[in-house]
Amino acid sequence: MNKRLYKSRDNRMVAGVCGGVADYFGIDPTLVRLGWILFCALGGSGILAYIIAAIVIPEA
Protein backbone atom coordinates (compact mmCIF):
# COMPACT_ATOMS: atom_id res chain seq x y z
CA MET A 1 0.00 0.00 0.00
CA ASN A 2 1.39 3.37 -1.04
CA LYS A 3 0.60 6.03 1.54
CA ARG A 4 1.17 9.62 0.39
CA LEU A 5 0.98 12.90 2.24
CA TYR A 6 -1.45 15.41 0.70
CA LYS A 7 -3.05 18.63 1.89
CA SER A 8 -6.63 17.97 2.93
CA ARG A 9 -9.56 19.43 1.05
CA ASP A 10 -12.11 18.45 3.71
CA ASN A 11 -10.32 19.34 6.98
CA ARG A 12 -8.97 22.70 5.94
CA MET A 13 -8.62 25.81 8.06
CA VAL A 14 -5.87 27.75 6.28
CA ALA A 15 -4.06 25.61 3.72
CA GLY A 16 -5.04 22.05 4.69
CA VAL A 17 -1.62 21.04 5.99
CA CYS A 18 -2.75 19.95 9.47
CA GLY A 19 -5.73 18.07 8.03
CA GLY A 20 -3.45 16.27 5.60
CA VAL A 21 -0.97 15.32 8.31
CA ALA A 22 -3.85 14.05 10.46
CA ASP A 23 -5.21 11.97 7.57
CA TYR A 24 -1.75 10.53 6.92
CA PHE A 25 -1.27 9.41 10.53
CA GLY A 26 -4.93 8.54 11.15
CA ILE A 27 -5.47 10.91 14.06
CA ASP A 28 -7.85 13.78 14.82
CA PRO A 29 -6.99 17.03 12.98
CA THR A 30 -7.66 19.03 16.16
CA LEU A 31 -4.75 17.29 17.89
CA VAL A 32 -2.42 18.13 15.02
CA ARG A 33 -3.57 21.77 15.08
CA LEU A 34 -3.00 22.00 18.83
CA GLY A 35 0.45 20.47 18.43
CA TRP A 36 1.26 22.94 15.67
CA ILE A 37 0.15 25.87 17.85
CA LEU A 38 2.35 24.59 20.67
CA PHE A 39 5.25 24.22 18.23
CA CYS A 40 4.74 27.83 17.07
CA ALA A 41 4.50 29.18 20.62
CA LEU A 42 7.66 27.49 21.87
CA GLY A 43 10.09 28.57 19.21
CA GLY A 44 8.31 30.44 16.49
CA SER A 45 9.79 28.20 13.78
CA GLY A 46 6.43 26.47 13.40
CA ILE A 47 5.12 29.34 11.30
CA LEU A 48 7.99 28.95 8.85
CA ALA A 49 7.52 25.16 8.83
CA TYR A 50 3.80 25.58 8.07
CA ILE A 51 4.50 27.96 5.18
CA ILE A 52 7.07 25.57 3.71
CA ALA A 53 4.71 22.61 4.13
CA ALA A 54 1.88 24.55 2.46
CA ILE A 55 4.14 25.15 -0.55
CA VAL A 56 5.75 21.69 -0.74
CA ILE A 57 2.88 19.29 0.04
CA PRO A 58 0.67 18.71 -3.01
CA GLU A 59 -3.15 19.02 -3.06
CA ALA A 60 -5.20 15.84 -2.66
PDB file of N, CA and C in Angstrom:
ATOM      1  N   MET A   1       0.834  -1.172   0.000  1.00  0.00           N
ATOM      2  CA  MET A   1       0.000   0.000   0.000  1.00  0.00           C
ATOM      3  C   MET A   1       0.887   1.247   0.000  1.00  0.00           C
ATOM      4  N   ASN A   2       0.628   2.138  -0.920  1.00  0.00           N
ATOM      5  CA  ASN A   2       1.386   3.371  -1.039  1.00  0.00           C
ATOM      6  C   ASN A   2       0.653   4.502  -0.334  1.00  0.00           C
ATOM      7  N   LYS A   3       1.195   4.941   0.782  1.00  0.00           N
ATOM      8  CA  LYS A   3       0.602   6.028   1.540  1.00  0.00           C
ATOM      9  C   LYS A   3       1.328   7.315   1.182  1.00  0.00           C
ATOM     10  N   ARG A   4       0.579   8.346   0.782  1.00  0.00           N
ATOM     11  CA  ARG A   4       1.174   9.616   0.385  1.00  0.00           C
ATOM     12  C   ARG A   4       0.594  10.736   1.246  1.00  0.00           C
ATOM     13  N   LEU A   5       1.398  11.740   1.461  1.00  0.00           N
ATOM     14  CA  LEU A   5       0.980  12.905   2.237  1.00  0.00           C
ATOM     15  C   LEU A   5       0.450  13.971   1.286  1.00  0.00           C
ATOM     16  N   TYR A   6      -0.800  14.369   1.488  1.00  0.00           N
ATOM     17  CA  TYR A   6      -1.447  15.406   0.696  1.00  0.00           C
ATOM     18  C   TYR A   6      -2.096  16.414   1.630  1.00  0.00           C
ATOM     19  N   LYS A   7      -2.260  17.649   1.143  1.00  0.00           N
ATOM     20  CA  LYS A   7      -3.047  18.629   1.885  1.00  0.00           C
ATOM     21  C   LYS A   7      -4.516  18.229   1.786  1.00  0.00           C
ATOM     22  N   SER A   8      -5.229  18.374   2.870  1.00  0.00           N
ATOM     23  CA  SER A   8      -6.625  17.969   2.931  1.00  0.00           C
ATOM     24  C   SER A   8      -7.524  19.009   2.275  1.00  0.00           C
ATOM     25  N   ARG A   9      -8.546  18.533   1.595  1.00  0.00           N
ATOM     26  CA  ARG A   9      -9.561  19.434   1.046  1.00  0.00           C
ATOM     27  C   ARG A   9     -10.766  19.517   1.963  1.00  0.00           C
ATOM     28  N   ASP A  10     -10.957  18.500   2.814  1.00  0.00           N
ATOM     29  CA  ASP A  10     -12.110  18.453   3.711  1.00  0.00           C
ATOM     30  C   ASP A  10     -11.831  19.110   5.059  1.00  0.00           C
ATOM     31  N   ASN A  11     -10.690  18.810   5.658  1.00  0.00           N
ATOM     32  CA  ASN A  11     -10.323  19.338   6.980  1.00  0.00           C
ATOM     33  C   ASN A  11      -9.363  20.505   6.826  1.00  0.00           C
ATOM     34  N   ARG A  12      -9.837  21.576   6.269  1.00  0.00           N
ATOM     35  CA  ARG A  12      -8.971  22.704   5.937  1.00  0.00           C
ATOM     36  C   ARG A  12      -9.377  23.919   6.746  1.00  0.00           C
ATOM     37  N   MET A  13      -8.397  24.539   7.377  1.00  0.00           N
ATOM     38  CA  MET A  13      -8.615  25.815   8.064  1.00  0.00           C
ATOM     39  C   MET A  13      -7.923  26.922   7.269  1.00  0.00           C
ATOM     40  N   VAL A  14      -6.626  26.764   7.034  1.00  0.00           N
ATOM     41  CA  VAL A  14      -5.866  27.753   6.276  1.00  0.00           C
ATOM     42  C   VAL A  14      -5.450  27.161   4.936  1.00  0.00           C
ATOM     43  N   ALA A  15      -4.554  26.190   4.965  1.00  0.00           N
ATOM     44  CA  ALA A  15      -4.059  25.609   3.716  1.00  0.00           C
ATOM     45  C   ALA A  15      -4.300  24.106   3.632  1.00  0.00           C
ATOM     46  N   GLY A  16      -4.760  23.481   4.699  1.00  0.00           N
ATOM     47  CA  GLY A  16      -5.042  22.054   4.691  1.00  0.00           C
ATOM     48  C   GLY A  16      -3.885  21.180   5.115  1.00  0.00           C
ATOM     49  N   VAL A  17      -2.808  21.802   5.606  1.00  0.00           N
ATOM     50  CA  VAL A  17      -1.616  21.040   5.995  1.00  0.00           C
ATOM     51  C   VAL A  17      -1.898  20.160   7.216  1.00  0.00           C
ATOM     52  N   CYS A  18      -2.479  20.722   8.251  1.00  0.00           N
ATOM     53  CA  CYS A  18      -2.748  19.951   9.471  1.00  0.00           C
ATOM     54  C   CYS A  18      -3.753  18.837   9.206  1.00  0.00           C
ATOM     55  N   GLY A  19      -4.765  19.105   8.391  1.00  0.00           N
ATOM     56  CA  GLY A  19      -5.727  18.070   8.031  1.00  0.00           C
ATOM     57  C   GLY A  19      -5.079  16.945   7.243  1.00  0.00           C
ATOM     58  N   GLY A  20      -4.157  17.285   6.365  1.00  0.00           N
ATOM     59  CA  GLY A  20      -3.447  16.272   5.596  1.00  0.00           C
ATOM     60  C   GLY A  20      -2.532  15.422   6.457  1.00  0.00           C
ATOM     61  N   VAL A  21      -1.840  16.060   7.384  1.00  0.00           N
ATOM     62  CA  VAL A  21      -0.970  15.317   8.307  1.00  0.00           C
ATOM     63  C   VAL A  21      -1.815  14.389   9.183  1.00  0.00           C
ATOM     64  N   ALA A  22      -2.956  14.876   9.639  1.00  0.00           N
ATOM     65  CA  ALA A  22      -3.848  14.048  10.462  1.00  0.00           C
ATOM     66  C   ALA A  22      -4.383  12.864   9.663  1.00  0.00           C
ATOM     67  N   ASP A  23      -4.751  13.073   8.419  1.00  0.00           N
ATOM     68  CA  ASP A  23      -5.213  11.968   7.568  1.00  0.00           C
ATOM     69  C   ASP A  23      -4.111  10.945   7.355  1.00  0.00           C
ATOM     70  N   TYR A  24      -2.886  11.414   7.163  1.00  0.00           N
ATOM     71  CA  TYR A  24      -1.751  10.525   6.919  1.00  0.00           C
ATOM     72  C   TYR A  24      -1.488   9.620   8.130  1.00  0.00           C
ATOM     73  N   PHE A  25      -1.544  10.191   9.327  1.00  0.00           N
ATOM     74  CA  PHE A  25      -1.267   9.413  10.528  1.00  0.00           C
ATOM     75  C   PHE A  25      -2.512   8.785  11.147  1.00  0.00           C
ATOM     76  N   GLY A  26      -3.697   9.137  10.646  1.00  0.00           N
ATOM     77  CA  GLY A  26      -4.928   8.544  11.152  1.00  0.00           C
ATOM     78  C   GLY A  26      -5.338   9.056  12.518  1.00  0.00           C
ATOM     79  N   ILE A  27      -5.094  10.332  12.782  1.00  0.00           N
ATOM     80  CA  ILE A  27      -5.469  10.914  14.065  1.00  0.00           C
ATOM     81  C   ILE A  27      -6.411  12.096  13.823  1.00  0.00           C
ATOM     82  N   ASP A  28      -6.916  12.665  14.899  1.00  0.00           N
ATOM     83  CA  ASP A  28      -7.847  13.781  14.825  1.00  0.00           C
ATOM     84  C   ASP A  28      -7.110  15.052  14.398  1.00  0.00           C
ATOM     85  N   PRO A  29      -7.639  15.793  13.428  1.00  0.00           N
ATOM     86  CA  PRO A  29      -6.988  17.031  12.981  1.00  0.00           C
ATOM     87  C   PRO A  29      -6.842  18.082  14.080  1.00  0.00           C
ATOM     88  N   THR A  30      -7.750  18.066  15.060  1.00  0.00           N
ATOM     89  CA  THR A  30      -7.662  19.030  16.161  1.00  0.00           C
ATOM     90  C   THR A  30      -6.389  18.822  16.970  1.00  0.00           C
ATOM     91  N   LEU A  31      -5.993  17.566  17.158  1.00  0.00           N
ATOM     92  CA  LEU A  31      -4.752  17.287  17.891  1.00  0.00           C
ATOM     93  C   LEU A  31      -3.537  17.798  17.131  1.00  0.00           C
ATOM     94  N   VAL A  32      -3.542  17.642  15.832  1.00  0.00           N
ATOM     95  CA  VAL A  32      -2.421  18.133  15.021  1.00  0.00           C
ATOM     96  C   VAL A  32      -2.374  19.660  15.079  1.00  0.00           C
ATOM     97  N   ARG A  33      -3.525  20.301  15.005  1.00  0.00           N
ATOM     98  CA  ARG A  33      -3.569  21.766  15.075  1.00  0.00           C
ATOM     99  C   ARG A  33      -3.074  22.271  16.426  1.00  0.00           C
ATOM    100  N   LEU A  34      -3.473  21.607  17.510  1.00  0.00           N
ATOM    101  CA  LEU A  34      -2.999  22.001  18.835  1.00  0.00           C
ATOM    102  C   LEU A  34      -1.489  21.807  18.969  1.00  0.00           C
ATOM    103  N   GLY A  35      -0.999  20.714  18.423  1.00  0.00           N
ATOM    104  CA  GLY A  35       0.451  20.474  18.432  1.00  0.00           C
ATOM    105  C   GLY A  35       1.200  21.528  17.640  1.00  0.00           C
ATOM    106  N   TRP A  36       0.620  21.926  16.506  1.00  0.00           N
ATOM    107  CA  TRP A  36       1.261  22.940  15.671  1.00  0.00           C
ATOM    108  C   TRP A  36       1.281  24.298  16.389  1.00  0.00           C
ATOM    109  N   ILE A  37       0.197  24.622  17.089  1.00  0.00           N
ATOM    110  CA  ILE A  37       0.148  25.874  17.852  1.00  0.00           C
ATOM    111  C   ILE A  37       1.197  25.861  18.959  1.00  0.00           C
ATOM    112  N   LEU A  38       1.334  24.732  19.629  1.00  0.00           N
ATOM    113  CA  LEU A  38       2.353  24.592  20.668  1.00  0.00           C
ATOM    114  C   LEU A  38       3.748  24.743  20.077  1.00  0.00           C
ATOM    115  N   PHE A  39       3.964  24.134  18.920  1.00  0.00           N
ATOM    116  CA  PHE A  39       5.248  24.223  18.226  1.00  0.00           C
ATOM    117  C   PHE A  39       5.565  25.670  17.855  1.00  0.00           C
ATOM    118  N   CYS A  40       4.562  26.420  17.425  1.00  0.00           N
ATOM    119  CA  CYS A  40       4.743  27.831  17.073  1.00  0.00           C
ATOM    120  C   CYS A  40       5.027  28.681  18.305  1.00  0.00           C
ATOM    121  N   ALA A  41       4.349  28.386  19.408  1.00  0.00           N
ATOM    122  CA  ALA A  41       4.497  29.182  20.616  1.00  0.00           C
ATOM    123  C   ALA A  41       5.853  28.966  21.286  1.00  0.00           C
ATOM    124  N   LEU A  42       6.405  27.779  21.171  1.00  0.00           N
ATOM    125  CA  LEU A  42       7.655  27.488  21.865  1.00  0.00           C
ATOM    126  C   LEU A  42       8.877  28.091  21.177  1.00  0.00           C
ATOM    127  N   GLY A  43       8.896  28.066  19.858  1.00  0.00           N
ATOM    128  CA  GLY A  43      10.095  28.570  19.206  1.00  0.00           C
ATOM    129  C   GLY A  43       9.829  29.542  18.079  1.00  0.00           C
ATOM    130  N   GLY A  44       8.622  29.544  17.587  1.00  0.00           N
ATOM    131  CA  GLY A  44       8.306  30.435  16.485  1.00  0.00           C
ATOM    132  C   GLY A  44       8.649  29.874  15.116  1.00  0.00           C
ATOM    133  N   SER A  45       9.411  28.792  15.070  1.00  0.00           N
ATOM    134  CA  SER A  45       9.786  28.202  13.779  1.00  0.00           C
ATOM    135  C   SER A  45       8.641  27.402  13.162  1.00  0.00           C
ATOM    136  N   GLY A  46       7.586  27.191  13.915  1.00  0.00           N
ATOM    137  CA  GLY A  46       6.429  26.466  13.401  1.00  0.00           C
ATOM    138  C   GLY A  46       5.721  27.214  12.295  1.00  0.00           C
ATOM    139  N   ILE A  47       5.739  28.537  12.349  1.00  0.00           N
ATOM    140  CA  ILE A  47       5.122  29.343  11.303  1.00  0.00           C
ATOM    141  C   ILE A  47       5.861  29.148   9.993  1.00  0.00           C
ATOM    142  N   LEU A  48       7.179  29.176  10.049  1.00  0.00           N
ATOM    143  CA  LEU A  48       7.993  28.949   8.854  1.00  0.00           C
ATOM    144  C   LEU A  48       7.801  27.530   8.337  1.00  0.00           C
ATOM    145  N   ALA A  49       7.734  26.550   9.235  1.00  0.00           N
ATOM    146  CA  ALA A  49       7.520  25.161   8.831  1.00  0.00           C
ATOM    147  C   ALA A  49       6.158  24.987   8.166  1.00  0.00           C
ATOM    148  N   TYR A  50       5.138  25.676   8.661  1.00  0.00           N
ATOM    149  CA  TYR A  50       3.800  25.584   8.071  1.00  0.00           C
ATOM    150  C   TYR A  50       3.789  26.184   6.669  1.00  0.00           C
ATOM    151  N   ILE A  51       4.444  27.323   6.496  1.00  0.00           N
ATOM    152  CA  ILE A  51       4.503  27.955   5.176  1.00  0.00           C
ATOM    153  C   ILE A  51       5.228  27.070   4.181  1.00  0.00           C
ATOM    154  N   ILE A  52       6.332  26.479   4.600  1.00  0.00           N
ATOM    155  CA  ILE A  52       7.074  25.566   3.708  1.00  0.00           C
ATOM    156  C   ILE A  52       6.234  24.344   3.376  1.00  0.00           C
ATOM    157  N   ALA A  53       5.553  23.785   4.378  1.00  0.00           N
ATOM    158  CA  ALA A  53       4.713  22.609   4.135  1.00  0.00           C
ATOM    159  C   ALA A  53       3.554  22.951   3.198  1.00  0.00           C
ATOM    160  N   ALA A  54       2.982  24.137   3.330  1.00  0.00           N
ATOM    161  CA  ALA A  54       1.884  24.553   2.456  1.00  0.00           C
ATOM    162  C   ALA A  54       2.349  24.682   1.018  1.00  0.00           C
ATOM    163  N   ILE A  55       3.598  25.026   0.818  1.00  0.00           N
ATOM    164  CA  ILE A  55       4.145  25.153  -0.548  1.00  0.00           C
ATOM    165  C   ILE A  55       4.555  23.796  -1.099  1.00  0.00           C
ATOM    166  N   VAL A  56       5.156  22.947  -0.283  1.00  0.00           N
ATOM    167  CA  VAL A  56       5.752  21.686  -0.742  1.00  0.00           C
ATOM    168  C   VAL A  56       4.756  20.557  -0.880  1.00  0.00           C
ATOM    169  N   ILE A  57       3.827  20.416   0.056  1.00  0.00           N
ATOM    170  CA  ILE A  57       2.881  19.292   0.039  1.00  0.00           C
ATOM    171  C   ILE A  57       1.841  19.524  -1.047  1.00  0.00           C
ATOM    172  N   PRO A  58       1.632  18.536  -1.912  1.00  0.00           N
ATOM    173  CA  PRO A  58       0.667  18.712  -3.006  1.00  0.00           C
ATOM    174  C   PRO A  58      -0.778  18.595  -2.530  1.00  0.00           C
ATOM    175  N   GLU A  59      -1.713  19.135  -3.334  1.00  0.00           N
ATOM    176  CA  GLU A  59      -3.147  19.017  -3.062  1.00  0.00           C
ATOM    177  C   GLU A  59      -3.601  17.575  -3.254  1.00  0.00           C
ATOM    178  N   ALA A  60      -4.642  17.200  -2.536  1.00  0.00           N
ATOM    179  CA  ALA A  60      -5.202  15.837  -2.664  1.00  0.00           C
ATOM    180  C   ALA A  60      -5.906  15.694  -3.996  1.00  0.00           C
TER     181      ALA A  60
END
